[in-house]
PDB file of N, CA and C in Angstrom:
ATOM      1  N   UNK A   1      74.288 103.390  77.799  1.00  0.00           N
ATOM      2  CA  UNK A   1      75.986 103.841  77.872  1.00  0.00           C
ATOM      3  C   UNK A   1      76.472 103.063  77.074  1.00  0.00           C
ATOM      4  N   UNK A   2      77.213 103.793  76.080  1.00  0.00           N
ATOM      5  CA  UNK A   2      78.531 103.183  75.500  1.00  0.00           C
ATOM      6  C   UNK A   2      79.744 103.048  76.161  1.00  0.00           C
ATOM      7  N   UNK A   3      80.443 101.682  75.388  1.00  0.00           N
ATOM      8  CA  UNK A   3      81.854 101.509  75.927  1.00  0.00           C
ATOM      9  C   UNK A   3      82.640 101.381  74.480  1.00  0.00           C
ATOM     10  N   UNK A   4      83.832 100.889  74.894  1.00  0.00           N
ATOM     11  CA  UNK A   4      84.541 100.249  74.073  1.00  0.00           C
ATOM     12  C   UNK A   4      85.376  99.151  74.633  1.00  0.00           C
ATOM     13  N   UNK A   5      85.515  97.988  73.850  1.00  0.00           N
ATOM     14  CA  UNK A   5      85.935  96.958  73.875  1.00  0.00           C
ATOM     15  C   UNK A   5      87.695  97.056  73.612  1.00  0.00           C
ATOM     16  N   UNK A   6      88.135  96.642  74.505  1.00  0.00           N
ATOM     17  CA  UNK A   6      89.850  96.673  74.800  1.00  0.00           C
ATOM     18  C   UNK A   6      90.562  95.762  73.753  1.00  0.00           C
ATOM     19  N   UNK A   7      90.877  96.033  72.945  1.00  0.00           N
ATOM     20  CA  UNK A   7      91.844  95.360  72.090  1.00  0.00           C
ATOM     21  C   UNK A   7      92.647  94.062  72.986  1.00  0.00           C
ATOM     22  N   UNK A   8      92.433  93.009  72.629  1.00  0.00           N
ATOM     23  CA  UNK A   8      93.319  92.282  73.033  1.00  0.00           C
ATOM     24  C   UNK A   8      92.741  91.619  73.880  1.00  0.00           C
ATOM     25  N   UNK A   9      91.882  91.730  74.483  1.00  0.00           N
ATOM     26  CA  UNK A   9      90.917  91.410  75.786  1.00  0.00           C
ATOM     27  C   UNK A   9      90.026  90.244  75.174  1.00  0.00           C
ATOM     28  N   UNK A  10      90.096  89.416  75.960  1.00  0.00           N
ATOM     29  CA  UNK A  10      88.638  88.085  75.902  1.00  0.00           C
ATOM     30  C   UNK A  10      87.330  88.552  76.841  1.00  0.00           C
ATOM     31  N   UNK A  11      86.062  88.638  76.086  1.00  0.00           N
ATOM     32  CA  UNK A  11      85.384  88.642  76.417  1.00  0.00           C
ATOM     33  C   UNK A  11      83.934  87.611  76.557  1.00  0.00           C
ATOM     34  N   UNK A  12      83.427  87.797  77.166  1.00  0.00           N
ATOM     35  CA  UNK A  12      81.747  87.013  77.889  1.00  0.00           C
ATOM     36  C   UNK A  12      80.673  87.821  77.261  1.00  0.00           C
ATOM     37  N   UNK A  13      79.370  87.347  77.177  1.00  0.00           N
ATOM     38  CA  UNK A  13      78.029  87.899  76.358  1.00  0.00           C
ATOM     39  C   UNK A  13      77.308  88.356  77.622  1.00  0.00           C
ATOM     40  N   UNK A  14      76.952  89.150  78.174  1.00  0.00           N
ATOM     41  CA  UNK A  14      77.028  90.459  77.321  1.00  0.00           C
ATOM     42  C   UNK A  14      78.260  91.337  77.982  1.00  0.00           C
ATOM     43  N   UNK A  15      78.799  91.696  76.316  1.00  0.00           N
ATOM     44  CA  UNK A  15      80.569  92.485  76.352  1.00  0.00           C
ATOM     45  C   UNK A  15      80.489  93.358  77.434  1.00  0.00           C
ATOM     46  N   UNK A  16      79.363  94.090  77.402  1.00  0.00           N
ATOM     47  CA  UNK A  16      79.288  95.356  78.081  1.00  0.00           C
ATOM     48  C   UNK A  16      79.856  95.325  79.642  1.00  0.00           C
ATOM     49  N   UNK A  17      79.986  93.926  80.490  1.00  0.00           N
ATOM     50  CA  UNK A  17      80.295  93.762  81.826  1.00  0.00           C
ATOM     51  C   UNK A  17      81.571  93.898  81.756  1.00  0.00           C
ATOM     52  N   UNK A  18      82.517  94.437  80.460  1.00  0.00           N
ATOM     53  CA  UNK A  18      84.039  93.812  80.841  1.00  0.00           C
ATOM     54  C   UNK A  18      84.244  92.756  80.382  1.00  0.00           C
ATOM     55  N   UNK A  19      85.841  93.036  80.552  1.00  0.00           N
ATOM     56  CA  UNK A  19      86.730  91.819  79.884  1.00  0.00           C
ATOM     57  C   UNK A  19      86.270  90.686  81.259  1.00  0.00           C
ATOM     58  N   UNK A  20      86.359  89.226  80.099  1.00  0.00           N
ATOM     59  CA  UNK A  20      86.366  88.416  81.537  1.00  0.00           C
ATOM     60  C   UNK A  20      87.656  87.844  82.255  1.00  0.00           C
ATOM     61  N   UNK A  21      86.864  87.845  83.425  1.00  0.00           N
ATOM     62  CA  UNK A  21      88.126  87.368  84.249  1.00  0.00           C
ATOM     63  C   UNK A  21      88.967  85.851  83.697  1.00  0.00           C
ATOM     64  N   UNK A  22      90.427  85.831  84.022  1.00  0.00           N
ATOM     65  CA  UNK A  22      91.272  84.472  84.215  1.00  0.00           C
ATOM     66  C   UNK A  22      92.523  85.212  83.755  1.00  0.00           C
ATOM     67  N   UNK A  23      92.897  83.685  83.673  1.00  0.00           N
ATOM     68  CA  UNK A  23      94.176  83.680  83.256  1.00  0.00           C
ATOM     69  C   UNK A  23      94.393  84.339  81.464  1.00  0.00           C
ATOM     70  N   UNK A  24      93.857  84.325  81.097  1.00  0.00           N
ATOM     71  CA  UNK A  24      94.274  85.381  79.309  1.00  0.00           C
ATOM     72  C   UNK A  24      93.977  86.829  79.604  1.00  0.00           C
ATOM     73  N   UNK A  25      93.588  86.813  80.654  1.00  0.00           N
ATOM     74  CA  UNK A  25      93.035  88.421  80.752  1.00  0.00           C
ATOM     75  C   UNK A  25      93.425  89.061  82.183  1.00  0.00           C
ATOM     76  N   UNK A  26      95.188  88.592  82.259  1.00  0.00           N
ATOM     77  CA  UNK A  26      95.418  89.252  83.589  1.00  0.00           C
ATOM     78  C   UNK A  26      96.827  90.388  83.159  1.00  0.00           C
ATOM     79  N   UNK A  27      96.925  91.825  84.033  1.00  0.00           N
ATOM     80  CA  UNK A  27      97.969  92.449  83.229  1.00  0.00           C
ATOM     81  C   UNK A  27      99.034  92.707  82.723  1.00  0.00           C
ATOM     82  N   UNK A  28      99.556  92.946  81.497  1.00  0.00           N
ATOM     83  CA  UNK A  28     100.499  92.912  81.377  1.00  0.00           C
ATOM     84  C   UNK A  28     101.803  92.395  82.312  1.00  0.00           C
ATOM     85  N   UNK A  29     101.887  93.034  82.904  1.00  0.00           N
ATOM     86  CA  UNK A  29     102.918  92.794  84.367  1.00  0.00           C
ATOM     87  C   UNK A  29     103.262  91.802  84.814  1.00  0.00           C
ATOM     88  N   UNK A  30     101.929  90.958  84.783  1.00  0.00           N
ATOM     89  CA  UNK A  30     101.919  89.257  85.818  1.00  0.00           C
ATOM     90  C   UNK A  30     101.819  88.462  84.958  1.00  0.00           C
ATOM     91  N   UNK A  31     102.621  87.242  85.341  1.00  0.00           N
ATOM     92  CA  UNK A  31     102.689  86.213  84.560  1.00  0.00           C
ATOM     93  C   UNK A  31     101.795  84.870  85.428  1.00  0.00           C
ATOM     94  N   UNK A  32     101.402  83.527  84.604  1.00  0.00           N
ATOM     95  CA  UNK A  32     101.338  82.653  85.242  1.00  0.00           C
ATOM     96  C   UNK A  32     101.938  81.568  84.937  1.00  0.00           C
ATOM     97  N   UNK A  33     102.368  81.394  86.032  1.00  0.00           N
ATOM     98  CA  UNK A  33     103.569  79.571  85.955  1.00  0.00           C
ATOM     99  C   UNK A  33     102.505  78.844  85.696  1.00  0.00           C
ATOM    100  N   UNK A  34     102.796  78.383  84.483  1.00  0.00           N
ATOM    101  CA  UNK A  34     101.696  77.291  84.431  1.00  0.00           C
ATOM    102  C   UNK A  34     101.842  75.444  84.492  1.00  0.00           C
ATOM    103  N   UNK A  35     103.783  75.829  84.583  1.00  0.00           N
ATOM    104  CA  UNK A  35     104.392  74.620  85.214  1.00  0.00           C
ATOM    105  C   UNK A  35     103.901  73.888  86.527  1.00  0.00           C
ATOM    106  N   UNK A  36     104.011  75.135  87.332  1.00  0.00           N
ATOM    107  CA  UNK A  36     103.754  75.069  88.512  1.00  0.00           C
ATOM    108  C   UNK A  36     101.848  74.977  88.889  1.00  0.00           C
ATOM    109  N   UNK A  37     100.963  75.552  88.665  1.00  0.00           N
ATOM    110  CA  UNK A  37      99.558  75.859  89.095  1.00  0.00           C
ATOM    111  C   UNK A  37      98.585  75.391  87.681  1.00  0.00           C
ATOM    112  N   UNK A  38      97.840  74.976  87.703  1.00  0.00           N
ATOM    113  CA  UNK A  38      97.329  74.258  88.766  1.00  0.00           C
ATOM    114  C   UNK A  38      97.910  72.785  89.287  1.00  0.00           C
ATOM    115  N   UNK A  39      97.170  72.357  90.814  1.00  0.00           N
ATOM    116  CA  UNK A  39      97.331  71.013  90.639  1.00  0.00           C
ATOM    117  C   UNK A  39      96.042  70.468  90.383  1.00  0.00           C
ATOM    118  N   UNK A  40      96.106  69.208  89.426  1.00  0.00           N
ATOM    119  CA  UNK A  40      95.514  68.572  88.631  1.00  0.00           C
ATOM    120  C   UNK A  40      95.568  67.459  88.878  1.00  0.00           C
ATOM    121  N   UNK A  41      94.265  66.487  89.055  1.00  0.00           N
ATOM    122  CA  UNK A  41      94.026  65.579  89.533  1.00  0.00           C
ATOM    123  C   UNK A  41      93.357  64.772  88.707  1.00  0.00           C
ATOM    124  N   UNK A  42      93.337  63.628  87.785  1.00  0.00           N
ATOM    125  CA  UNK A  42      92.732  63.211  86.400  1.00  0.00           C
ATOM    126  C   UNK A  42      92.714  62.012  86.501  1.00  0.00           C
ATOM    127  N   UNK A  43      91.942  61.197  86.091  1.00  0.00           N
ATOM    128  CA  UNK A  43      90.980  59.587  86.880  1.00  0.00           C
ATOM    129  C   UNK A  43      90.243  59.256  85.066  1.00  0.00           C
ATOM    130  N   UNK A  44      90.903  58.136  84.631  1.00  0.00           N
ATOM    131  CA  UNK A  44      90.171  58.074  83.276  1.00  0.00           C
ATOM    132  C   UNK A  44      89.542  56.496  83.368  1.00  0.00           C
ATOM    133  N   UNK A  45      88.340  55.723  82.948  1.00  0.00           N
ATOM    134  CA  UNK A  45      88.413  54.272  83.210  1.00  0.00           C
ATOM    135  C   UNK A  45      87.792  54.910  81.216  1.00  0.00           C
ATOM    136  N   UNK A  46      88.665  53.637  80.519  1.00  0.00           N
ATOM    137  CA  UNK A  46      88.184  53.180  79.337  1.00  0.00           C
ATOM    138  C   UNK A  46      88.213  51.597  79.810  1.00  0.00           C
ATOM    139  N   UNK A  47      86.805  50.919  78.778  1.00  0.00           N
ATOM    140  CA  UNK A  47      86.392  50.018  78.726  1.00  0.00           C
ATOM    141  C   UNK A  47      85.422  49.663  77.431  1.00  0.00           C
ATOM    142  N   UNK A  48      85.258  48.214  77.093  1.00  0.00           N
ATOM    143  CA  UNK A  48      84.584  47.701  76.077  1.00  0.00           C
ATOM    144  C   UNK A  48      83.303  47.353  75.972  1.00  0.00           C
ATOM    145  N   UNK A  49      82.354  48.263  74.767  1.00  0.00           N
ATOM    146  CA  UNK A  49      80.696  48.020  75.721  1.00  0.00           C
ATOM    147  C   UNK A  49      80.222  47.617  73.916  1.00  0.00           C
ATOM    148  N   UNK A  50      78.886  47.503  73.992  1.00  0.00           N
ATOM    149  CA  UNK A  50      78.062  47.374  73.027  1.00  0.00           C
ATOM    150  C   UNK A  50      78.792  47.978  71.763  1.00  0.00           C
ATOM    151  N   UNK A  51      79.069  47.660  70.492  1.00  0.00           N
ATOM    152  CA  UNK A  51      79.091  48.894  69.145  1.00  0.00           C
ATOM    153  C   UNK A  51      77.651  49.448  69.262  1.00  0.00           C
ATOM    154  N   UNK A  52      76.794  49.091  69.375  1.00  0.00           N
ATOM    155  CA  UNK A  52      75.226  48.848  68.328  1.00  0.00           C
ATOM    156  C   UNK A  52      74.756  50.443  69.587  1.00  0.00           C
ATOM    157  N   UNK A  53      75.490  50.392  70.624  1.00  0.00           N
ATOM    158  CA  UNK A  53      74.919  51.203  71.971  1.00  0.00           C
ATOM    159  C   UNK A  53      75.702  52.755  72.057  1.00  0.00           C
ATOM    160  N   UNK A  54      77.026  52.338  71.388  1.00  0.00           N
ATOM    161  CA  UNK A  54      77.846  53.524  71.285  1.00  0.00           C
ATOM    162  C   UNK A  54      77.883  54.543  70.535  1.00  0.00           C
ATOM    163  N   UNK A  55      77.449  53.379  68.829  1.00  0.00           N
ATOM    164  CA  UNK A  55      77.359  54.196  67.707  1.00  0.00           C
ATOM    165  C   UNK A  55      76.256  54.701  67.994  1.00  0.00           C
ATOM    166  N   UNK A  56      75.209  54.727  68.883  1.00  0.00           N
ATOM    167  CA  UNK A  56      74.231  55.539  68.973  1.00  0.00           C
ATOM    168  C   UNK A  56      74.269  57.070  69.670  1.00  0.00           C
ATOM    169  N   UNK A  57      75.119  57.355  70.182  1.00  0.00           N
ATOM    170  CA  UNK A  57      75.817  58.385  71.118  1.00  0.00           C
ATOM    171  C   UNK A  57      76.936  59.332  69.675  1.00  0.00           C
ATOM    172  N   UNK A  58      77.205  58.641  68.505  1.00  0.00           N
ATOM    173  CA  UNK A  58      77.624  59.601  67.424  1.00  0.00           C
ATOM    174  C   UNK A  58      76.967  60.720  66.925  1.00  0.00           C
ATOM    175  N   UNK A  59      77.258  61.711  66.095  1.00  0.00           N
ATOM    176  CA  UNK A  59      76.823  62.290  65.682  1.00  0.00           C
ATOM    177  C   UNK A  59      76.645  62.091  63.784  1.00  0.00           C
ATOM    178  N   UNK A  60      75.226  62.180  63.114  1.00  0.00           N
ATOM    179  CA  UNK A  60      75.108  61.698  62.083  1.00  0.00           C
ATOM    180  C   UNK A  60      75.984  61.808  61.758  1.00  0.00           C
ATOM    181  N   UNK A  61      76.281  60.592  60.178  1.00  0.00           N
ATOM    182  CA  UNK A  61      77.546  60.622  59.359  1.00  0.00           C
ATOM    183  C   UNK A  61      79.093  60.180  60.228  1.00  0.00           C
ATOM    184  N   UNK A  62      79.020  59.568  61.732  1.00  0.00           N
ATOM    185  CA  UNK A  62      80.321  58.912  61.693  1.00  0.00           C
ATOM    186  C   UNK A  62      80.019  57.920  62.099  1.00  0.00           C
ATOM    187  N   UNK A  63      81.138  57.093  61.991  1.00  0.00           N
ATOM    188  CA  UNK A  63      80.883  55.248  62.623  1.00  0.00           C
ATOM    189  C   UNK A  63      81.875  55.187  63.365  1.00  0.00           C
ATOM    190  N   UNK A  64      82.017  54.174  64.102  1.00  0.00           N
ATOM    191  CA  UNK A  64      83.267  53.309  64.956  1.00  0.00           C
ATOM    192  C   UNK A  64      84.247  52.821  63.990  1.00  0.00           C
ATOM    193  N   UNK A  65      85.458  53.177  64.461  1.00  0.00           N
ATOM    194  CA  UNK A  65      86.736  52.704  63.930  1.00  0.00           C
ATOM    195  C   UNK A  65      87.521  51.544  65.090  1.00  0.00           C
ATOM    196  N   UNK A  66      87.307  50.252  64.749  1.00  0.00           N
ATOM    197  CA  UNK A  66      87.718  49.575  65.254  1.00  0.00           C
ATOM    198  C   UNK A  66      86.849  49.445  66.614  1.00  0.00           C
ATOM    199  N   UNK A  67      87.641  48.816  67.624  1.00  0.00           N
ATOM    200  CA  UNK A  67      86.805  48.271  68.768  1.00  0.00           C
ATOM    201  C   UNK A  67      85.681  49.121  69.528  1.00  0.00           C
ATOM    202  N   UNK A  68      84.717  48.812  70.223  1.00  0.00           N
ATOM    203  CA  UNK A  68      83.459  49.586  70.495  1.00  0.00           C
ATOM    204  C   UNK A  68      83.975  50.270  72.434  1.00  0.00           C
ATOM    205  N   UNK A  69      85.522  50.610  71.888  1.00  0.00           N
ATOM    206  CA  UNK A  69      86.237  51.480  73.834  1.00  0.00           C
ATOM    207  C   UNK A  69      85.190  52.793  73.602  1.00  0.00           C
ATOM    208  N   UNK A  70      84.790  52.772  74.987  1.00  0.00           N
ATOM    209  CA  UNK A  70      84.024  54.155  75.619  1.00  0.00           C
ATOM    210  C   UNK A  70      84.864  54.064  76.890  1.00  0.00           C
ATOM    211  N   UNK A  71      85.288  56.255  76.886  1.00  0.00           N
ATOM    212  CA  UNK A  71      86.563  56.705  77.986  1.00  0.00           C
ATOM    213  C   UNK A  71      85.300  57.541  78.796  1.00  0.00           C
ATOM    214  N   UNK A  72      85.419  57.516  80.291  1.00  0.00           N
ATOM    215  CA  UNK A  72      85.017  58.954  81.119  1.00  0.00           C
ATOM    216  C   UNK A  72      86.650  59.239  81.466  1.00  0.00           C
ATOM    217  N   UNK A  73      86.300  60.199  81.345  1.00  0.00           N
ATOM    218  CA  UNK A  73      87.382  61.046  81.745  1.00  0.00           C
ATOM    219  C   UNK A  73      86.721  62.510  83.125  1.00  0.00           C
ATOM    220  N   UNK A  74      87.691  62.317  84.045  1.00  0.00           N
ATOM    221  CA  UNK A  74      87.247  63.048  85.167  1.00  0.00           C
ATOM    222  C   UNK A  74      88.489  64.033  85.564  1.00  0.00           C
ATOM    223  N   UNK A  75      88.395  65.182  86.304  1.00  0.00           N
ATOM    224  CA  UNK A  75      89.635  66.043  86.738  1.00  0.00           C
ATOM    225  C   UNK A  75      89.420  66.846  87.765  1.00  0.00           C
ATOM    226  N   UNK A  76      90.013  67.344  88.293  1.00  0.00           N
ATOM    227  CA  UNK A  76      89.667  68.477  89.670  1.00  0.00           C
ATOM    228  C   UNK A  76      91.048  69.215  89.202  1.00  0.00           C
ATOM    229  N   UNK A  77      90.686  70.814  89.716  1.00  0.00           N
ATOM    230  CA  UNK A  77      92.394  71.625  89.506  1.00  0.00           C
ATOM    231  C   UNK A  77      92.054  72.232  90.845  1.00  0.00           C
ATOM    232  N   UNK A  78      93.173  72.535  91.338  1.00  0.00           N
ATOM    233  CA  UNK A  78      93.548  73.092  92.872  1.00  0.00           C
ATOM    234  C   UNK A  78      94.225  74.414  92.755  1.00  0.00           C
ATOM    235  N   UNK A  79      94.151  74.976  93.693  1.00  0.00           N
ATOM    236  CA  UNK A  79      95.303  76.022  93.730  1.00  0.00           C
ATOM    237  C   UNK A  79      95.779  77.095  92.186  1.00  0.00           C
ATOM    238  N   UNK A  80      94.449  77.511  91.790  1.00  0.00           N
ATOM    239  CA  UNK A  80      94.405  77.851  90.286  1.00  0.00           C
ATOM    240  C   UNK A  80      95.274  79.590  90.921  1.00  0.00           C
ATOM    241  N   UNK A  81      96.353  79.378  90.396  1.00  0.00           N
ATOM    242  CA  UNK A  81      97.270  81.120  90.728  1.00  0.00           C
ATOM    243  C   UNK A  81      96.376  82.269  90.626  1.00  0.00           C
ATOM    244  N   UNK A  82      95.805  82.056  88.841  1.00  0.00           N
ATOM    245  CA  UNK A  82      94.907  83.303  89.120  1.00  0.00           C
ATOM    246  C   UNK A  82      93.614  83.565  89.313  1.00  0.00           C
ATOM    247  N   UNK A  83      92.872  82.457  90.275  1.00  0.00           N
ATOM    248  CA  UNK A  83      91.901  83.108  90.869  1.00  0.00           C
ATOM    249  C   UNK A  83      92.071  83.489  92.159  1.00  0.00           C
ATOM    250  N   UNK A  84      91.151  84.239  92.365  1.00  0.00           N
ATOM    251  CA  UNK A  84      90.982  84.404  93.809  1.00  0.00           C
ATOM    252  C   UNK A  84      91.806  85.220  94.440  1.00  0.00           C
ATOM    253  N   UNK A  85      92.340  86.284  93.639  1.00  0.00           N
ATOM    254  CA  UNK A  85      93.629  87.177  93.910  1.00  0.00           C
ATOM    255  C   UNK A  85      95.132  87.036  94.429  1.00  0.00           C
ATOM    256  N   UNK A  86      95.227  85.255  93.076  1.00  0.00           N
ATOM    257  CA  UNK A  86      96.553  84.729  94.632  1.00  0.00           C
ATOM    258  C   UNK A  86      97.181  85.421  93.719  1.00  0.00           C
ATOM    259  N   UNK A  87      97.760  86.022  92.576  1.00  0.00           N
ATOM    260  CA  UNK A  87      98.457  86.821  91.841  1.00  0.00           C
ATOM    261  C   UNK A  87      99.319  87.702  92.487  1.00  0.00           C
TER     262      UNK A  87
END
């Protein structure tokens, strides 16, 4: 079965499933209020570590610049407006 991809739409693979759901593919008359949604909780933890251990995590050709500080980020999002037909 053949199909035509819609111009200006974002697709995931396989493209035959149709345009991907999400805020980038809303109908033209709908707008997401990004100032209001989603409710986000973010947490970050920074710590000094052993430079040799941290360098093992870097891709080839990259080197540490400055102190060996690692950062871990965690975030959650709630009330994402375009999920679950909330628009």
